[in-house]
Structures are given as structure tokens and as C-alpha cells.
Amino acid sequence: GVSAEAVTGAELRIAVVRMDVIQQEATVLKDLRSQRESYEKQLR
């Protein structure tokens, strides 16, 4: 049932995304980490 068709080099469009960088640089994730640190400070 496997097709013999495959993507050729001319058709293939690839991109790379660094999720670890997004976790460190995105504003919303910085804010979220700040909230967690605030609760951890209260706990300590």
C-alpha cells in the first residue's frame, strides 16, 4: 500500500526553528517564568 511517489529536491522547502531559543526569548514565556519564580520565592 506504499506509494512510489516521493518529494523531489526542487519541491522540498525546509525550515529550522529553535524551540529552546523561543522559550528563552519570547516575552510571554519570560513573564510566565517570572510568575513561577514569584510563587517559589513565597514558598521559600
PDB file of all heavy atoms in Angstrom:
ATOM      1  N   GLY A   1       0.792  -1.228   0.000  1.00  0.00           N
ATOM      2  CA  GLY A   1       0.000   0.000   0.000  1.00  0.00           C
ATOM      3  C   GLY A   1       0.820   1.272   0.000  1.00  0.00           C
ATOM      4  O   GLY A   1       0.277   2.381   0.000  1.00  0.00           O
ATOM      5  N   VAL A   2       2.138   1.143  -0.012  1.00  0.00           N
ATOM      6  CA  VAL A   2       3.015   2.323  -0.001  1.00  0.00           C
ATOM      7  C   VAL A   2       3.173   2.870  -1.404  1.00  0.00           C
ATOM      8  O   VAL A   2       3.465   2.135  -2.340  1.00  0.00           O
ATOM      9  CB  VAL A   2       4.403   1.957   0.583  1.00  0.00           C
ATOM     10  CG1 VAL A   2       5.326   3.166   0.549  1.00  0.00           C
ATOM     11  CG2 VAL A   2       4.264   1.433   2.001  1.00  0.00           C
ATOM     12  N   SER A   3       2.992   4.183  -1.533  1.00  0.00           N
ATOM     13  CA  SER A   3       3.127   4.820  -2.834  1.00  0.00           C
ATOM     14  C   SER A   3       4.588   4.937  -3.233  1.00  0.00           C
ATOM     15  O   SER A   3       5.477   5.094  -2.395  1.00  0.00           O
ATOM     16  CB  SER A   3       2.497   6.223  -2.788  1.00  0.00           C
ATOM     17  OG  SER A   3       2.801   6.945  -3.955  1.00  0.00           O
ATOM     18  N   ALA A   4       4.836   4.877  -4.526  1.00  0.00           N
ATOM     19  CA  ALA A   4       6.205   5.025  -5.045  1.00  0.00           C
ATOM     20  C   ALA A   4       6.602   6.488  -5.190  1.00  0.00           C
ATOM     21  O   ALA A   4       7.753   6.803  -5.465  1.00  0.00           O
ATOM     22  CB  ALA A   4       6.318   4.315  -6.397  1.00  0.00           C
ATOM     23  N   GLU A   5       5.635   7.386  -4.970  1.00  0.00           N
ATOM     24  CA  GLU A   5       5.914   8.814  -5.119  1.00  0.00           C
ATOM     25  C   GLU A   5       6.705   9.343  -3.928  1.00  0.00           C
ATOM     26  O   GLU A   5       6.528   8.891  -2.801  1.00  0.00           O
ATOM     27  CB  GLU A   5       4.608   9.591  -5.255  1.00  0.00           C
ATOM     28  CG  GLU A   5       3.800   9.206  -6.495  1.00  0.00           C
ATOM     29  CD  GLU A   5       2.485   9.963  -6.578  1.00  0.00           C
ATOM     30  OE1 GLU A   5       2.218  10.750  -5.645  1.00  0.00           O
ATOM     31  OE2 GLU A   5       1.756   9.772  -7.550  1.00  0.00           O
ATOM     32  N   ALA A   6       7.578  10.321  -4.179  1.00  0.00           N
ATOM     33  CA  ALA A   6       8.377  10.941  -3.123  1.00  0.00           C
ATOM     34  C   ALA A   6       8.653  12.395  -3.502  1.00  0.00           C
ATOM     35  O   ALA A   6       8.583  12.765  -4.675  1.00  0.00           O
ATOM     36  CB  ALA A   6       9.687  10.187  -2.923  1.00  0.00           C
ATOM     37  N   VAL A   7       8.960  13.179  -2.482  1.00  0.00           N
ATOM     38  CA  VAL A   7       9.248  14.594  -2.725  1.00  0.00           C
ATOM     39  C   VAL A   7      10.612  14.733  -3.382  1.00  0.00           C
ATOM     40  O   VAL A   7      11.583  14.114  -2.963  1.00  0.00           O
ATOM     41  CB  VAL A   7       9.234  15.380  -1.390  1.00  0.00           C
ATOM     42  CG1 VAL A   7       9.579  16.840  -1.631  1.00  0.00           C
ATOM     43  CG2 VAL A   7       7.874  15.268  -0.740  1.00  0.00           C
ATOM     44  N   THR A   8      10.686  15.572  -4.398  1.00  0.00           N
ATOM     45  CA  THR A   8      11.966  15.813  -5.054  1.00  0.00           C
ATOM     46  C   THR A   8      12.637  17.031  -4.435  1.00  0.00           C
ATOM     47  O   THR A   8      12.004  17.815  -3.725  1.00  0.00           O
ATOM     48  CB  THR A   8      11.761  16.062  -6.564  1.00  0.00           C
ATOM     49  OG1 THR A   8      10.985  17.246  -6.735  1.00  0.00           O
ATOM     50  CG2 THR A   8      11.044  14.888  -7.208  1.00  0.00           C
ATOM     51  N   GLY A   9      13.911  17.180  -4.706  1.00  0.00           N
ATOM     52  CA  GLY A   9      14.664  18.294  -4.131  1.00  0.00           C
ATOM     53  C   GLY A   9      14.100  19.647  -4.498  1.00  0.00           C
ATOM     54  O   GLY A   9      14.099  20.576  -3.700  1.00  0.00           O
ATOM     55  N   ALA A  10      13.585  19.775  -5.696  1.00  0.00           N
ATOM     56  CA  ALA A  10      13.054  21.062  -6.150  1.00  0.00           C
ATOM     57  C   ALA A  10      11.779  21.436  -5.408  1.00  0.00           C
ATOM     58  O   ALA A  10      11.471  22.619  -5.231  1.00  0.00           O
ATOM     59  CB  ALA A  10      12.792  21.011  -7.649  1.00  0.00           C
ATOM     60  N   GLU A  11      11.027  20.426  -4.951  1.00  0.00           N
ATOM     61  CA  GLU A  11       9.752  20.679  -4.285  1.00  0.00           C
ATOM     62  C   GLU A  11       9.899  20.844  -2.774  1.00  0.00           C
ATOM     63  O   GLU A  11       9.040  21.425  -2.125  1.00  0.00           O
ATOM     64  CB  GLU A  11       8.792  19.508  -4.556  1.00  0.00           C
ATOM     65  CG  GLU A  11       8.437  19.333  -6.023  1.00  0.00           C
ATOM     66  CD  GLU A  11       7.672  18.051  -6.263  1.00  0.00           C
ATOM     67  OE1 GLU A  11       7.786  17.144  -5.412  1.00  0.00           O
ATOM     68  OE2 GLU A  11       6.970  17.957  -7.270  1.00  0.00           O
ATOM     69  N   LEU A  12      10.981  20.332  -2.203  1.00  0.00           N
ATOM     70  CA  LEU A  12      11.143  20.311  -0.764  1.00  0.00           C
ATOM     71  C   LEU A  12      11.596  21.669  -0.237  1.00  0.00           C
ATOM     72  O   LEU A  12      12.625  22.195  -0.632  1.00  0.00           O
ATOM     73  CB  LEU A  12      12.170  19.241  -0.384  1.00  0.00           C
ATOM     74  CG  LEU A  12      12.316  18.918   1.106  1.00  0.00           C
ATOM     75  CD1 LEU A  12      10.997  18.413   1.666  1.00  0.00           C
ATOM     76  CD2 LEU A  12      13.409  17.892   1.315  1.00  0.00           C
ATOM     77  N   ARG A  13      10.796  22.228   0.695  1.00  0.00           N
ATOM     78  CA  ARG A  13      11.122  23.511   1.327  1.00  0.00           C
ATOM     79  C   ARG A  13      11.185  23.294   2.835  1.00  0.00           C
ATOM     80  O   ARG A  13      10.181  22.962   3.460  1.00  0.00           O
ATOM     81  CB  ARG A  13      10.072  24.569   0.974  1.00  0.00           C
ATOM     82  CG  ARG A  13      10.055  24.927  -0.516  1.00  0.00           C
ATOM     83  CD  ARG A  13       8.834  25.766  -0.852  1.00  0.00           C
ATOM     84  NE  ARG A  13       8.858  27.052  -0.176  1.00  0.00           N
ATOM     85  CZ  ARG A  13       9.465  28.148  -0.667  1.00  0.00           C
ATOM     86  NH1 ARG A  13      10.095  28.092  -1.830  1.00  0.00           N
ATOM     87  NH2 ARG A  13       9.413  29.293  -0.011  1.00  0.00           N
ATOM     88  N   ILE A  14      12.379  23.477   3.387  1.00  0.00           N
ATOM     89  CA  ILE A  14      12.632  23.145   4.788  1.00  0.00           C
ATOM     90  C   ILE A  14      12.983  24.391   5.586  1.00  0.00           C
ATOM     91  O   ILE A  14      13.613  25.313   5.071  1.00  0.00           O
ATOM     92  CB  ILE A  14      13.785  22.125   4.900  1.00  0.00           C
ATOM     93  CG1 ILE A  14      13.445  20.857   4.111  1.00  0.00           C
ATOM     94  CG2 ILE A  14      14.069  21.779   6.352  1.00  0.00           C
ATOM     95  CD1 ILE A  14      14.582  19.857   4.067  1.00  0.00           C
ATOM     96  N   ALA A  15      12.579  24.397   6.872  1.00  0.00           N
ATOM     97  CA  ALA A  15      12.954  25.471   7.791  1.00  0.00           C
ATOM     98  C   ALA A  15      13.329  24.873   9.134  1.00  0.00           C
ATOM     99  O   ALA A  15      12.922  23.762   9.475  1.00  0.00           O
ATOM    100  CB  ALA A  15      11.807  26.468   7.950  1.00  0.00           C
ATOM    101  N   VAL A  16      14.108  25.621   9.882  1.00  0.00           N
ATOM    102  CA  VAL A  16      14.555  25.205  11.202  1.00  0.00           C
ATOM    103  C   VAL A  16      14.069  26.203  12.233  1.00  0.00           C
ATOM    104  O   VAL A  16      14.124  27.415  12.000  1.00  0.00           O
ATOM    105  CB  VAL A  16      16.100  25.123  11.251  1.00  0.00           C
ATOM    106  CG1 VAL A  16      16.586  24.936  12.674  1.00  0.00           C
ATOM    107  CG2 VAL A  16      16.599  23.988  10.372  1.00  0.00           C
ATOM    108  N   VAL A  17      13.561  25.700  13.370  1.00  0.00           N
ATOM    109  CA  VAL A  17      13.131  26.590  14.454  1.00  0.00           C
ATOM    110  C   VAL A  17      13.740  26.094  15.761  1.00  0.00           C
ATOM    111  O   VAL A  17      13.662  24.913  16.079  1.00  0.00           O
ATOM    112  CB  VAL A  17      11.584  26.671  14.552  1.00  0.00           C
ATOM    113  CG1 VAL A  17      10.974  25.309  14.808  1.00  0.00           C
ATOM    114  CG2 VAL A  17      11.159  27.661  15.613  1.00  0.00           C
ATOM    115  N   ARG A  18      14.360  27.000  16.501  1.00  0.00           N
ATOM    116  CA  ARG A  18      14.993  26.662  17.775  1.00  0.00           C
ATOM    117  C   ARG A  18      13.999  26.908  18.905  1.00  0.00           C
ATOM    118  O   ARG A  18      13.833  28.034  19.365  1.00  0.00           O
ATOM    119  CB  ARG A  18      16.249  27.512  17.973  1.00  0.00           C
ATOM    120  CG  ARG A  18      17.402  27.187  17.032  1.00  0.00           C
ATOM    121  CD  ARG A  18      18.088  25.889  17.418  1.00  0.00           C
ATOM    122  NE  ARG A  18      18.580  25.935  18.788  1.00  0.00           N
ATOM    123  CZ  ARG A  18      19.774  26.392  19.135  1.00  0.00           C
ATOM    124  NH1 ARG A  18      20.605  26.853  18.224  1.00  0.00           N
ATOM    125  NH2 ARG A  18      20.161  26.387  20.402  1.00  0.00           N
ATOM    126  N   MET A  19      13.365  25.842  19.374  1.00  0.00           N
ATOM    127  CA  MET A  19      12.370  25.978  20.428  1.00  0.00           C
ATOM    128  C   MET A  19      12.990  26.434  21.744  1.00  0.00           C
ATOM    129  O   MET A  19      12.361  27.137  22.530  1.00  0.00           O
ATOM    130  CB  MET A  19      11.648  24.644  20.629  1.00  0.00           C
ATOM    131  CG  MET A  19      10.878  24.148  19.412  1.00  0.00           C
ATOM    132  SD  MET A  19       9.669  25.340  18.783  1.00  0.00           S
ATOM    133  CE  MET A  19       8.554  25.454  20.168  1.00  0.00           C
ATOM    134  N   ASP A  20      14.250  26.039  21.992  1.00  0.00           N
ATOM    135  CA  ASP A  20      14.904  26.465  23.221  1.00  0.00           C
ATOM    136  C   ASP A  20      15.132  27.975  23.242  1.00  0.00           C
ATOM    137  O   ASP A  20      15.014  28.619  24.288  1.00  0.00           O
ATOM    138  CB  ASP A  20      16.224  25.727  23.402  1.00  0.00           C
ATOM    139  CG  ASP A  20      17.159  25.872  22.206  1.00  0.00           C
ATOM    140  OD1 ASP A  20      16.660  26.016  21.067  1.00  0.00           O
ATOM    141  OD2 ASP A  20      18.382  25.836  22.400  1.00  0.00           O
ATOM    142  N   VAL A  21      15.427  28.543  22.067  1.00  0.00           N
ATOM    143  CA  VAL A  21      15.615  29.999  21.970  1.00  0.00           C
ATOM    144  C   VAL A  21      14.291  30.717  22.191  1.00  0.00           C
ATOM    145  O   VAL A  21      14.224  31.740  22.887  1.00  0.00           O
ATOM    146  CB  VAL A  21      16.219  30.378  20.599  1.00  0.00           C
ATOM    147  CG1 VAL A  21      16.262  31.894  20.437  1.00  0.00           C
ATOM    148  CG2 VAL A  21      17.607  29.787  20.452  1.00  0.00           C
ATOM    149  N   ILE A  22      13.220  30.185  21.599  1.00  0.00           N
ATOM    150  CA  ILE A  22      11.898  30.785  21.773  1.00  0.00           C
ATOM    151  C   ILE A  22      11.506  30.772  23.250  1.00  0.00           C
ATOM    152  O   ILE A  22      10.963  31.748  23.774  1.00  0.00           O
ATOM    153  CB  ILE A  22      10.844  30.035  20.922  1.00  0.00           C
ATOM    154  CG1 ILE A  22      11.130  30.242  19.437  1.00  0.00           C
ATOM    155  CG2 ILE A  22       9.427  30.502  21.263  1.00  0.00           C
ATOM    156  CD1 ILE A  22      10.249  29.424  18.524  1.00  0.00           C
ATOM    157  N   GLN A  23      11.775  29.682  23.938  1.00  0.00           N
ATOM    158  CA  GLN A  23      11.454  29.580  25.372  1.00  0.00           C
ATOM    159  C   GLN A  23      12.181  30.644  26.191  1.00  0.00           C
ATOM    160  O   GLN A  23      11.656  31.139  27.185  1.00  0.00           O
ATOM    161  CB  GLN A  23      11.824  28.178  25.883  1.00  0.00           C
ATOM    162  CG  GLN A  23      10.910  27.083  25.365  1.00  0.00           C
ATOM    163  CD  GLN A  23      11.399  25.693  25.734  1.00  0.00           C
ATOM    164  OE1 GLN A  23      12.406  25.545  26.427  1.00  0.00           O
ATOM    165  NE2 GLN A  23      10.700  24.670  25.271  1.00  0.00           N
ATOM    166  N   GLN A  24      13.392  30.994  25.758  1.00  0.00           N
ATOM    167  CA  GLN A  24      14.179  31.987  26.490  1.00  0.00           C
ATOM    168  C   GLN A  24      13.851  33.417  26.089  1.00  0.00           C
ATOM    169  O   GLN A  24      13.919  34.340  26.909  1.00  0.00           O
ATOM    170  CB  GLN A  24      15.683  31.729  26.261  1.00  0.00           C
ATOM    171  CG  GLN A  24      16.188  30.442  26.872  1.00  0.00           C
ATOM    172  CD  GLN A  24      16.057  30.417  28.390  1.00  0.00           C
ATOM    173  OE1 GLN A  24      16.282  31.418  29.064  1.00  0.00           O
ATOM    174  NE2 GLN A  24      15.669  29.269  28.928  1.00  0.00           N
ATOM    175  N   GLU A  25      13.483  33.634  24.825  1.00  0.00           N
ATOM    176  CA  GLU A  25      13.347  34.995  24.300  1.00  0.00           C
ATOM    177  C   GLU A  25      11.908  35.510  24.193  1.00  0.00           C
ATOM    178  O   GLU A  25      11.688  36.724  24.211  1.00  0.00           O
ATOM    179  CB  GLU A  25      14.002  35.078  22.910  1.00  0.00           C
ATOM    180  CG  GLU A  25      15.499  34.739  22.915  1.00  0.00           C
ATOM    181  CD  GLU A  25      16.303  35.710  23.760  1.00  0.00           C
ATOM    182  OE1 GLU A  25      15.895  36.887  23.868  1.00  0.00           O
ATOM    183  OE2 GLU A  25      17.332  35.289  24.329  1.00  0.00           O
ATOM    184  N   ALA A  26      10.934  34.643  24.066  1.00  0.00           N
ATOM    185  CA  ALA A  26       9.545  35.098  23.902  1.00  0.00           C
ATOM    186  C   ALA A  26       9.075  35.841  25.150  1.00  0.00           C
ATOM    187  O   ALA A  26       9.260  35.370  26.273  1.00  0.00           O
ATOM    188  CB  ALA A  26       8.631  33.900  23.613  1.00  0.00           C
ATOM    189  N   THR A  27       8.446  36.989  24.952  1.00  0.00           N
ATOM    190  CA  THR A  27       8.011  37.844  26.066  1.00  0.00           C
ATOM    191  C   THR A  27       7.049  37.127  26.996  1.00  0.00           C
ATOM    192  O   THR A  27       7.172  37.208  28.223  1.00  0.00           O
ATOM    193  CB  THR A  27       7.345  39.119  25.523  1.00  0.00           C
ATOM    194  OG1 THR A  27       8.258  39.791  24.659  1.00  0.00           O
ATOM    195  CG2 THR A  27       6.950  40.050  26.648  1.00  0.00           C
ATOM    196  N   VAL A  28       6.088  36.417  26.438  1.00  0.00           N
ATOM    197  CA  VAL A  28       5.081  35.744  27.256  1.00  0.00           C
ATOM    198  C   VAL A  28       5.708  34.654  28.123  1.00  0.00           C
ATOM    199  O   VAL A  28       5.273  34.430  29.261  1.00  0.00           O
ATOM    200  CB  VAL A  28       3.962  35.155  26.366  1.00  0.00           C
ATOM    201  CG1 VAL A  28       4.478  34.050  25.452  1.00  0.00           C
ATOM    202  CG2 VAL A  28       2.813  34.636  27.224  1.00  0.00           C
ATOM    203  N   LEU A  29       6.733  33.992  27.607  1.00  0.00           N
ATOM    204  CA  LEU A  29       7.376  32.923  28.380  1.00  0.00           C
ATOM    205  C   LEU A  29       8.297  33.499  29.453  1.00  0.00           C
ATOM    206  O   LEU A  29       8.440  32.905  30.527  1.00  0.00           O
ATOM    207  CB  LEU A  29       8.139  32.006  27.441  1.00  0.00           C
ATOM    208  CG  LEU A  29       7.241  31.231  26.457  1.00  0.00           C
ATOM    209  CD1 LEU A  29       8.063  30.423  25.474  1.00  0.00           C
ATOM    210  CD2 LEU A  29       6.274  30.328  27.209  1.00  0.00           C
ATOM    211  N   LYS A  30       8.899  34.643  29.177  1.00  0.00           N
ATOM    212  CA  LYS A  30       9.669  35.324  30.222  1.00  0.00           C
ATOM    213  C   LYS A  30       8.750  35.727  31.375  1.00  0.00           C
ATOM    214  O   LYS A  30       9.085  35.574  32.547  1.00  0.00           O
ATOM    215  CB  LYS A  30      10.347  36.573  29.647  1.00  0.00           C
ATOM    216  CG  LYS A  30      11.506  36.292  28.709  1.00  0.00           C
ATOM    217  CD  LYS A  30      12.091  37.611  28.210  1.00  0.00           C
ATOM    218  CE  LYS A  30      13.262  37.387  27.274  1.00  0.00           C
ATOM    219  NZ  LYS A  30      13.817  38.665  26.772  1.00  0.00           N
ATOM    220  N   ASP A  31       7.578  36.270  31.014  1.00  0.00           N
ATOM    221  CA  ASP A  31       6.608  36.686  32.027  1.00  0.00           C
ATOM    222  C   ASP A  31       6.116  35.493  32.839  1.00  0.00           C
ATOM    223  O   ASP A  31       5.966  35.576  34.061  1.00  0.00           O
ATOM    224  CB  ASP A  31       5.423  37.383  31.350  1.00  0.00           C
ATOM    225  CG  ASP A  31       4.346  37.790  32.336  1.00  0.00           C
ATOM    226  OD1 ASP A  31       4.598  38.710  33.144  1.00  0.00           O
ATOM    227  OD2 ASP A  31       3.257  37.181  32.301  1.00  0.00           O
ATOM    228  N   LEU A  32       5.906  34.365  32.168  1.00  0.00           N
ATOM    229  CA  LEU A  32       5.424  33.167  32.850  1.00  0.00           C
ATOM    230  C   LEU A  32       6.476  32.644  33.839  1.00  0.00           C
ATOM    231  O   LEU A  32       6.144  32.261  34.965  1.00  0.00           O
ATOM    232  CB  LEU A  32       5.082  32.092  31.814  1.00  0.00           C
ATOM    233  CG  LEU A  32       4.314  30.869  32.323  1.00  0.00           C
ATOM    234  CD1 LEU A  32       2.983  31.285  32.916  1.00  0.00           C
ATOM    235  CD2 LEU A  32       4.112  29.863  31.193  1.00  0.00           C
ATOM    236  N   ARG A  33       7.717  32.645  33.428  1.00  0.00           N
ATOM    237  CA  ARG A  33       8.790  32.212  34.340  1.00  0.00           C
ATOM    238  C   ARG A  33       8.890  33.146  35.545  1.00  0.00           C
ATOM    239  O   ARG A  33       9.165  32.704  36.670  1.00  0.00           O
ATOM    240  CB  ARG A  33      10.131  32.160  33.603  1.00  0.00           C
ATOM    241  CG  ARG A  33      10.259  30.994  32.642  1.00  0.00           C
ATOM    242  CD  ARG A  33      11.698  30.753  32.261  1.00  0.00           C
ATOM    243  NE  ARG A  33      12.298  31.919  31.633  1.00  0.00           N
ATOM    244  CZ  ARG A  33      12.212  32.205  30.337  1.00  0.00           C
ATOM    245  NH1 ARG A  33      11.543  31.394  29.529  1.00  0.00           N
ATOM    246  NH2 ARG A  33      12.786  33.276  29.844  1.00  0.00           N
ATOM    247  N   SER A  34       8.668  34.427  35.311  1.00  0.00           N
ATOM    248  CA  SER A  34       8.711  35.402  36.401  1.00  0.00           C
ATOM    249  C   SER A  34       7.614  35.115  37.427  1.00  0.00           C
ATOM    250  O   SER A  34       7.837  35.228  38.643  1.00  0.00           O
ATOM    251  CB  SER A  34       8.560  36.820  35.844  1.00  0.00           C
ATOM    252  OG  SER A  34       8.553  37.774  36.876  1.00  0.00           O
ATOM    253  N   GLN A  35       6.426  34.728  36.941  1.00  0.00           N
ATOM    254  CA  GLN A  35       5.325  34.387  37.847  1.00  0.00           C
ATOM    255  C   GLN A  35       5.680  33.159  38.682  1.00  0.00           C
ATOM    256  O   GLN A  35       5.434  33.118  39.892  1.00  0.00           O
ATOM    257  CB  GLN A  35       4.059  34.115  37.041  1.00  0.00           C
ATOM    258  CG  GLN A  35       3.485  35.339  36.334  1.00  0.00           C
ATOM    259  CD  GLN A  35       2.247  34.982  35.526  1.00  0.00           C
ATOM    260  OE1 GLN A  35       1.275  34.446  36.055  1.00  0.00           O
ATOM    261  NE2 GLN A  35       2.274  35.258  34.235  1.00  0.00           N
ATOM    262  N   ARG A  36       6.254  32.159  38.028  1.00  0.00           N
ATOM    263  CA  ARG A  36       6.632  30.949  38.759  1.00  0.00           C
ATOM    264  C   ARG A  36       7.673  31.268  39.824  1.00  0.00           C
ATOM    265  O   ARG A  36       7.582  30.784  40.960  1.00  0.00           O
ATOM    266  CB  ARG A  36       7.178  29.890  37.804  1.00  0.00           C
ATOM    267  CG  ARG A  36       7.590  28.602  38.516  1.00  0.00           C
ATOM    268  CD  ARG A  36       8.053  27.524  37.560  1.00  0.00           C
ATOM    269  NE  ARG A  36       9.262  27.906  36.846  1.00  0.00           N
ATOM    270  CZ  ARG A  36       9.905  27.108  35.980  1.00  0.00           C
ATOM    271  NH1 ARG A  36       9.439  25.901  35.737  1.00  0.00           N
ATOM    272  NH2 ARG A  36      10.985  27.523  35.367  1.00  0.00           N
ATOM    273  N   GLU A  37       8.662  32.067  39.478  1.00  0.00           N
ATOM    274  CA  GLU A  37       9.708  32.444  40.431  1.00  0.00           C
ATOM    275  C   GLU A  37       9.129  33.205  41.622  1.00  0.00           C
ATOM    276  O   GLU A  37       9.606  33.055  42.753  1.00  0.00           O
ATOM    277  CB  GLU A  37      10.766  33.281  39.727  1.00  0.00           C
ATOM    278  CG  GLU A  37      11.626  32.476  38.752  1.00  0.00           C
ATOM    279  CD  GLU A  37      12.484  33.357  37.862  1.00  0.00           C
ATOM    280  OE1 GLU A  37      12.435  34.614  38.052  1.00  0.00           O
ATOM    281  OE2 GLU A  37      13.183  32.827  36.983  1.00  0.00           O
ATOM    282  N   SER A  38       8.077  34.004  41.387  1.00  0.00           N
ATOM    283  CA  SER A  38       7.439  34.756  42.471  1.00  0.00           C
ATOM    284  C   SER A  38       6.786  33.802  43.469  1.00  0.00           C
ATOM    285  O   SER A  38       6.921  33.969  44.695  1.00  0.00           O
ATOM    286  CB  SER A  38       6.388  35.713  41.900  1.00  0.00           C
ATOM    287  OG  SER A  38       5.698  36.371  42.930  1.00  0.00           O
ATOM    288  N   TYR A  39       6.086  32.790  42.952  1.00  0.00           N
ATOM    289  CA  TYR A  39       5.465  31.798  43.838  1.00  0.00           C
ATOM    290  C   TYR A  39       6.530  30.984  44.574  1.00  0.00           C
ATOM    291  O   TYR A  39       6.374  30.654  45.759  1.00  0.00           O
ATOM    292  CB  TYR A  39       4.560  30.861  43.037  1.00  0.00           C
ATOM    293  CG  TYR A  39       3.226  31.480  42.668  1.00  0.00           C
ATOM    294  CD1 TYR A  39       2.870  31.684  41.335  1.00  0.00           C
ATOM    295  CD2 TYR A  39       2.313  31.854  43.663  1.00  0.00           C
ATOM    296  CE1 TYR A  39       1.646  32.250  40.998  1.00  0.00           C
ATOM    297  CE2 TYR A  39       1.085  32.421  43.323  1.00  0.00           C
ATOM    298  CZ  TYR A  39       0.763  32.616  42.000  1.00  0.00           C
ATOM    299  OH  TYR A  39      -0.461  33.183  41.662  1.00  0.00           O
ATOM    300  N   GLU A  40       7.608  30.647  43.893  1.00  0.00           N
ATOM    301  CA  GLU A  40       8.684  29.890  44.542  1.00  0.00           C
ATOM    302  C   GLU A  40       9.342  30.714  45.650  1.00  0.00           C
ATOM    303  O   GLU A  40       9.730  30.166  46.690  1.00  0.00           O
ATOM    304  CB  GLU A  40       9.719  29.482  43.492  1.00  0.00           C
ATOM    305  CG  GLU A  40       9.218  28.393  42.541  1.00  0.00           C
ATOM    306  CD  GLU A  40      10.181  28.104  41.409  1.00  0.00           C
ATOM    307  OE1 GLU A  40      11.081  28.944  41.160  1.00  0.00           O
ATOM    308  OE2 GLU A  40      10.041  27.048  40.767  1.00  0.00           O
ATOM    309  N   LYS A  41       9.444  32.010  45.435  1.00  0.00           N
ATOM    310  CA  LYS A  41      10.002  32.896  46.457  1.00  0.00           C
ATOM    311  C   LYS A  41       9.093  32.923  47.691  1.00  0.00           C
ATOM    312  O   LYS A  41       9.570  32.886  48.838  1.00  0.00           O
ATOM    313  CB  LYS A  41      10.164  34.307  45.895  1.00  0.00           C
ATOM    314  CG  LYS A  41      10.844  35.282  46.833  1.00  0.00           C
ATOM    315  CD  LYS A  41      11.037  36.638  46.178  1.00  0.00           C
ATOM    316  CE  LYS A  41      11.709  37.623  47.138  1.00  0.00           C
ATOM    317  NZ  LYS A  41      11.897  38.960  46.499  1.00  0.00           N
ATOM    318  N   GLN A  42       7.770  32.987  47.456  1.00  0.00           N
ATOM    319  CA  GLN A  42       6.816  32.943  48.572  1.00  0.00           C
ATOM    320  C   GLN A  42       6.942  31.632  49.338  1.00  0.00           C
ATOM    321  O   GLN A  42       6.860  31.608  50.572  1.00  0.00           O
ATOM    322  CB  GLN A  42       5.397  33.095  48.038  1.00  0.00           C
ATOM    323  CG  GLN A  42       5.078  34.460  47.448  1.00  0.00           C
ATOM    324  CD  GLN A  42       3.640  34.518  46.940  1.00  0.00           C
ATOM    325  OE1 GLN A  42       2.699  34.140  47.642  1.00  0.00           O
ATOM    326  NE2 GLN A  42       3.461  34.984  45.719  1.00  0.00           N
ATOM    327  N   LEU A  43       7.136  30.560  48.598  1.00  0.00           N
ATOM    328  CA  LEU A  43       7.257  29.246  49.226  1.00  0.00           C
ATOM    329  C   LEU A  43       8.517  29.177  50.091  1.00  0.00           C
ATOM    330  O   LEU A  43       8.480  28.653  51.213  1.00  0.00           O
ATOM    331  CB  LEU A  43       7.285  28.156  48.151  1.00  0.00           C
ATOM    332  CG  LEU A  43       7.233  26.702  48.632  1.00  0.00           C
ATOM    333  CD1 LEU A  43       5.959  26.440  49.418  1.00  0.00           C
ATOM    334  CD2 LEU A  43       7.346  25.744  47.457  1.00  0.00           C
ATOM    335  N   ARG A  44       9.620  29.700  49.594  1.00  0.00           N
ATOM    336  CA  ARG A  44      10.862  29.705  50.374  1.00  0.00           C
ATOM    337  C   ARG A  44      10.722  30.562  51.628  1.00  0.00           C
ATOM    338  O   ARG A  44      11.203  30.191  52.705  1.00  0.00           O
ATOM    339  CB  ARG A  44      12.024  30.230  49.516  1.00  0.00           C
ATOM    340  CG  ARG A  44      12.514  29.227  48.470  1.00  0.00           C
ATOM    341  CD  ARG A  44      13.835  29.662  47.893  1.00  0.00           C
ATOM    342  NE  ARG A  44      13.736  30.938  47.193  1.00  0.00           N
ATOM    343  CZ  ARG A  44      13.445  31.068  45.904  1.00  0.00           C
ATOM    344  NH1 ARG A  44      13.219  29.992  45.163  1.00  0.00           N
ATOM    345  NH2 ARG A  44      13.392  32.254  45.348  1.00  0.00           N
TER     346      ARG A  44
END
